[in-house]
C-alpha atoms as a PDB file:
ATOM      1  CA  MET A   1      -0.252   0.120  -0.198  1.00  0.00           C
ATOM      2  CA  GLY A   2       0.966   3.630  -0.630  1.00  0.00           C
ATOM      3  CA  SER A   3       3.341   2.210  -3.632  1.00  0.00           C
ATOM      4  CA  GLY A   4       1.216   4.715  -5.992  1.00  0.00           C
ATOM      5  CA  ALA A   5       0.963   2.225  -8.700  1.00  0.00           C
ATOM      6  CA  GLU A   6      -2.392   1.184  -9.786  1.00  0.00           C
ATOM      7  CA  ILE A   7      -3.343  -1.068 -11.721  1.00  0.00           C
ATOM      8  CA  VAL A   8      -5.612  -0.701 -15.075  1.00  0.00           C
ATOM      9  CA  ARG A   9      -7.549  -3.432 -16.190  1.00  0.00           C
ATOM     10  CA  LYS A  10      -8.874  -3.424 -19.625  1.00  0.00           C
ATOM     11  CA  PRO A  11     -12.168  -4.067 -20.554  1.00  0.00           C
ATOM     12  CA  ARG A  12     -12.712  -7.591 -21.112  1.00  0.00           C
ATOM     13  CA  PHE A  13     -16.021  -8.645 -23.223  1.00  0.00           C
ATOM     14  CA  LEU A  14     -17.657 -12.526 -23.386  1.00  0.00           C
ATOM     15  CA  CYS A  15     -17.394 -13.367 -27.368  1.00  0.00           C
ATOM     16  CA  LEU A  16     -19.615 -15.735 -28.083  1.00  0.00           C
ATOM     17  CA  HIS A  17     -19.922 -17.542 -31.619  1.00  0.00           C
ATOM     18  CA  GLY A  18     -22.785 -18.002 -33.641  1.00  0.00           C
ATOM     19  CA  PHE A  19     -24.626 -21.206 -34.422  1.00  0.00           C
ATOM     20  CA  ARG A  20     -22.321 -24.001 -35.303  1.00  0.00           C
ATOM     21  CA  THR A  21     -19.025 -22.325 -35.314  1.00  0.00           C
ATOM     22  CA  SER A  22     -16.674 -21.875 -32.849  1.00  0.00           C
ATOM     23  CA  GLY A  23     -14.893 -19.221 -30.560  1.00  0.00           C
ATOM     24  CA  ALA A  24     -11.555 -19.889 -32.201  1.00  0.00           C
ATOM     25  CA  ILE A  25     -13.662 -19.134 -35.906  1.00  0.00           C
ATOM     26  CA  LEU A  26     -14.981 -16.083 -33.906  1.00  0.00           C
ATOM     27  CA  LYS A  27     -11.119 -14.802 -32.465  1.00  0.00           C
ATOM     28  CA  LYS A  28     -10.221 -15.023 -36.437  1.00  0.00           C
ATOM     29  CA  GLN A  29     -12.951 -13.485 -37.520  1.00  0.00           C
ATOM     30  CA  ILE A  30     -12.708 -10.774 -35.424  1.00  0.00           C
ATOM     31  CA  GLU A  31      -9.190 -10.143 -35.238  1.00  0.00           C
ATOM     32  CA  THR A  32      -8.315  -9.637 -38.986  1.00  0.00           C
ATOM     33  CA  LYS A  33     -11.373  -6.941 -38.669  1.00  0.00           C
ATOM     34  CA  TRP A  34     -10.831  -4.647 -36.315  1.00  0.00           C
ATOM     35  CA  PRO A  35      -8.302  -2.980 -35.896  1.00  0.00           C
ATOM     36  CA  GLN A  36      -5.190  -3.690 -33.776  1.00  0.00           C
ATOM     37  CA  SER A  37      -5.323  -0.194 -32.115  1.00  0.00           C
ATOM     38  CA  VAL A  38      -9.040  -1.345 -30.584  1.00  0.00           C
ATOM     39  CA  LEU A  39      -7.659  -5.302 -29.955  1.00  0.00           C
ATOM     40  CA  GLU A  40      -5.178  -3.762 -27.506  1.00  0.00           C
ATOM     41  CA  LYS A  41      -7.495  -2.111 -25.253  1.00  0.00           C
ATOM     42  CA  ILE A  42      -9.696  -4.883 -24.821  1.00  0.00           C
ATOM     43  CA  ASP A  43      -9.276  -8.209 -23.718  1.00  0.00           C
ATOM     44  CA  LEU A  44     -11.547 -10.543 -25.548  1.00  0.00           C
ATOM     45  CA  VAL A  45     -12.976 -13.850 -24.358  1.00  0.00           C
ATOM     46  CA  TYR A  46     -13.711 -16.590 -26.407  1.00  0.00           C
ATOM     47  CA  LEU A  47     -15.845 -19.517 -25.655  1.00  0.00           C
ATOM     48  CA  ASP A  48     -17.057 -22.566 -27.270  1.00  0.00           C
ATOM     49  CA  ALA A  49     -20.907 -23.682 -27.015  1.00  0.00           C
ATOM     50  CA  PRO A  50     -21.198 -27.267 -25.588  1.00  0.00           C
ATOM     51  CA  PHE A  51     -22.379 -29.594 -27.512  1.00  0.00           C
ATOM     52  CA  PRO A  52     -20.746 -30.851 -30.465  1.00  0.00           C
ATOM     53  CA  ALA A  53     -22.649 -29.330 -33.777  1.00  0.00           C
ATOM     54  CA  GLN A  54     -24.725 -33.190 -34.909  1.00  0.00           C
ATOM     55  CA  GLY A  55     -25.352 -30.905 -38.696  1.00  0.00           C
ATOM     56  CA  LYS A  56     -23.595 -29.073 -41.776  1.00  0.00           C
ATOM     57  CA  SER A  57     -22.290 -26.021 -40.808  1.00  0.00           C
ATOM     58  CA  ASP A  58     -22.367 -22.572 -42.693  1.00  0.00           C
ATOM     59  CA  VAL A  59     -18.620 -22.170 -42.888  1.00  0.00           C
ATOM     60  CA  GLU A  60     -18.389 -25.863 -43.968  1.00  0.00           C
ATOM     61  CA  GLY A  61     -14.919 -24.937 -46.333  1.00  0.00           C
ATOM     62  CA  ILE A  62     -13.877 -21.493 -44.923  1.00  0.00           C
ATOM     63  CA  PHE A  63     -13.152 -22.578 -41.129  1.00  0.00           C
ATOM     64  CA  ASP A  64     -12.269 -26.395 -40.404  1.00  0.00           C
ATOM     65  CA  PRO A  65     -13.645 -27.983 -38.008  1.00  0.00           C
ATOM     66  CA  PRO A  66     -14.903 -28.295 -34.568  1.00  0.00           C
ATOM     67  CA  TYR A  67     -18.051 -26.672 -34.937  1.00  0.00           C
ATOM     68  CA  TYR A  68     -20.549 -25.922 -32.261  1.00  0.00           C
ATOM     69  CA  GLU A  69     -24.004 -25.785 -30.886  1.00  0.00           C
ATOM     70  CA  TRP A  70     -25.244 -23.686 -27.549  1.00  0.00           C
ATOM     71  CA  PHE A  71     -28.294 -26.162 -27.870  1.00  0.00           C
ATOM     72  CA  GLN A  72     -29.585 -28.933 -29.986  1.00  0.00           C
ATOM     73  CA  PHE A  73     -32.772 -30.543 -30.791  1.00  0.00           C
ATOM     74  CA  ASN A  74     -34.540 -33.714 -30.839  1.00  0.00           C
ATOM     75  CA  LYS A  75     -36.985 -33.370 -33.806  1.00  0.00           C
ATOM     76  CA  LEU A  76     -38.732 -36.924 -32.740  1.00  0.00           C
ATOM     77  CA  ASN A  77     -40.122 -36.032 -29.429  1.00  0.00           C
ATOM     78  CA  LYS A  78     -39.600 -31.929 -29.811  1.00  0.00           C
ATOM     79  CA  PHE A  79     -37.332 -31.113 -27.809  1.00  0.00           C
ATOM     80  CA  TYR A  80     -34.495 -28.930 -27.461  1.00  0.00           C
ATOM     81  CA  TYR A  81     -31.897 -29.634 -25.141  1.00  0.00           C
ATOM     82  CA  THR A  82     -29.669 -27.272 -23.326  1.00  0.00           C
ATOM     83  CA  TYR A  83     -26.435 -27.087 -20.926  1.00  0.00           C
END
């Protein structure tokens, strides 16, 4: 105490990817499009959804798997499964 040094923390943002993509894909998209001057001032946290994708991803052929989903749907029983 009394050192006068102040810890400055960057604002932290949770980044959630879209349907059947991944945190790594979102990170690539953001970090190649946003200016470095902005990225240096913030802390971005990327998560993967809890379920592996059960179907085709719209980004296949553009980004490599794995792909994830935030929920899964059972068409036969009409149930949604969440984490």
